[in-house]
Protein backbone atom coordinates (compact mmCIF):
# COMPACT_ATOMS: atom_id res chain seq x y z
CA MET A 1 -65.65 35.69 -9.39
CA GLN A 2 -65.66 32.15 -7.99
CA GLU A 3 -64.76 30.78 -11.41
CA LYS A 4 -61.84 33.15 -11.58
CA SER A 5 -60.57 32.19 -8.14
CA GLY A 6 -61.08 28.49 -9.00
CA ALA A 7 -59.02 28.93 -12.17
CA ASN A 8 -56.34 30.79 -10.17
CA LEU A 9 -56.30 27.98 -7.62
CA ARG A 10 -55.86 25.30 -10.30
CA SER A 11 -53.21 27.37 -12.02
CA SER A 12 -51.37 27.86 -8.73
CA GLN A 13 -51.60 24.15 -7.95
CA MET A 14 -50.19 23.22 -11.37
CA LEU A 15 -47.40 25.76 -10.99
CA PHE A 16 -46.63 24.44 -7.51
CA GLN A 17 -46.63 20.81 -8.75
CA ASN A 18 -44.35 21.70 -11.66
CA GLU A 19 -41.95 23.53 -9.37
CA LEU A 20 -42.08 20.64 -6.92
CA LEU A 21 -41.28 18.12 -9.67
CA GLU A 22 -38.43 20.28 -10.93
CA THR A 23 -37.05 20.65 -7.40
CA GLN A 24 -37.28 16.89 -6.86
CA ARG A 25 -35.48 16.24 -10.16
CA LEU A 26 -32.72 18.70 -9.21
CA LEU A 27 -32.34 17.06 -5.79
CA GLU A 28 -32.10 13.62 -7.39
CA ASP A 29 -29.43 14.93 -9.78
CA ARG A 30 -27.46 16.45 -6.91
CA GLN A 31 -27.77 13.26 -4.90
CA MET A 32 -26.56 11.19 -7.87
CA ASN A 33 -23.62 13.54 -8.46
CA SER A 34 -22.70 13.46 -4.78
CA LEU A 35 -22.84 9.68 -4.75
CA GLN A 36 -20.66 9.47 -7.87
CA ASP A 37 -18.17 11.95 -6.37
CA PHE A 38 -18.08 9.93 -3.17
CA GLN A 39 -17.49 6.68 -5.07
CA GLN A 40 -14.71 8.29 -7.10
CA GLU A 41 -13.05 9.58 -3.95
CA VAL A 42 -13.26 6.14 -2.31
CA SER A 43 -11.74 4.57 -5.43
CA ARG A 44 -8.99 7.19 -5.51
CA LEU A 45 -8.18 6.58 -1.84
CA ASN A 46 -8.15 2.82 -2.34
CA ARG A 47 -5.76 3.15 -5.28
CA SER A 48 -3.63 5.58 -3.31
CA GLU A 49 -3.48 3.28 -0.29
CA SER A 50 -2.79 0.27 -2.49
CA LEU A 51 0.02 2.10 -4.22
CA SER A 52 1.48 3.39 -0.99
CA SER A 53 1.36 -0.05 0.59
CA LEU A 54 2.90 -1.51 -2.57
CA ASP A 55 5.55 1.21 -2.48
CA SER A 56 6.29 0.46 1.15
CA LEU A 57 6.58 -3.26 0.39
CA GLU A 58 8.93 -2.51 -2.48
CA GLU A 59 10.90 -0.15 -0.23
CA GLU A 60 11.19 -2.84 2.46
CA HIS A 61 12.26 -5.39 -0.15
CA TYR A 62 14.81 -2.96 -1.59
CA GLN A 63 16.16 -2.09 1.85
CA GLY A 64 16.30 -5.76 2.78
CA THR A 65 18.14 -6.59 -0.43
CA THR A 66 20.69 -3.82 -0.05
CA ALA A 67 21.13 -4.58 3.63
CA HIS A 68 21.66 -8.22 2.77
CA ASN A 69 24.16 -7.31 0.06
CA LYS A 70 26.02 -4.84 2.26
CA SER A 71 26.25 -6.87 5.42
CA PRO A 72 26.98 -10.57 5.22
CA SER A 73 24.76 -13.00 7.03
CA ILE A 74 25.84 -14.66 10.25
CA SER A 75 26.37 -17.99 8.50
CA SER A 76 28.66 -16.41 5.89
CA LEU A 77 30.57 -14.68 8.68
CA ASP A 78 31.00 -18.02 10.42
CA GLU A 79 32.24 -19.64 7.21
CA SER A 80 34.70 -16.88 6.41
CA ALA A 81 35.91 -16.78 9.99
CA SER A 82 36.59 -20.50 9.98
CA LYS A 83 38.40 -20.30 6.61
CA ASN A 84 40.49 -17.29 7.51
CA CYS A 85 41.11 -18.16 11.10
CA THR A 86 44.74 -18.93 11.76
CA ARG A 87 45.27 -20.88 14.87
CA PRO A 88 48.67 -20.98 16.34
CA GLN A 89 50.31 -24.15 15.20
CA SER A 90 51.79 -26.29 17.88
CA PRO A 91 55.39 -27.06 17.24
CA LYS A 92 55.73 -30.35 15.43
CA LYS A 93 57.55 -32.92 17.36
CA HIS A 94 60.06 -34.94 15.49
CA PHE A 95 60.65 -38.45 16.45
CA ASN A 96 63.81 -39.95 15.11
CA GLY A 97 64.02 -37.06 12.65
CA VAL A 98 60.62 -37.87 11.10
CA CYS A 99 57.58 -35.61 11.38
CA PRO A 100 54.57 -37.49 12.83
CA SER A 101 52.28 -36.17 10.10
CA ALA A 102 54.53 -37.69 7.45
CA LYS A 103 53.76 -41.19 8.63
């Protein structure tokens, strides 16, 4: 009877060890899959953030370009104002029938 219970004990221990090893292997697989999923998600978020920040930079550049094209700069306004500005001309004084600017 003791031999039988000893054999049962060894058999139970081997079964337990095998189940334990299998459980450990499954846990390692799950952990590896979770880590890979996490790394993929981080990469996806980084790409997404990079693209959105690139998109926003392109949007700002586009808006700046169209705003610049639509509304002239202050310096170009100054130039056009000085070219197109018509100041009232003072009446030319004639001396002896000759215009002073003709001299």
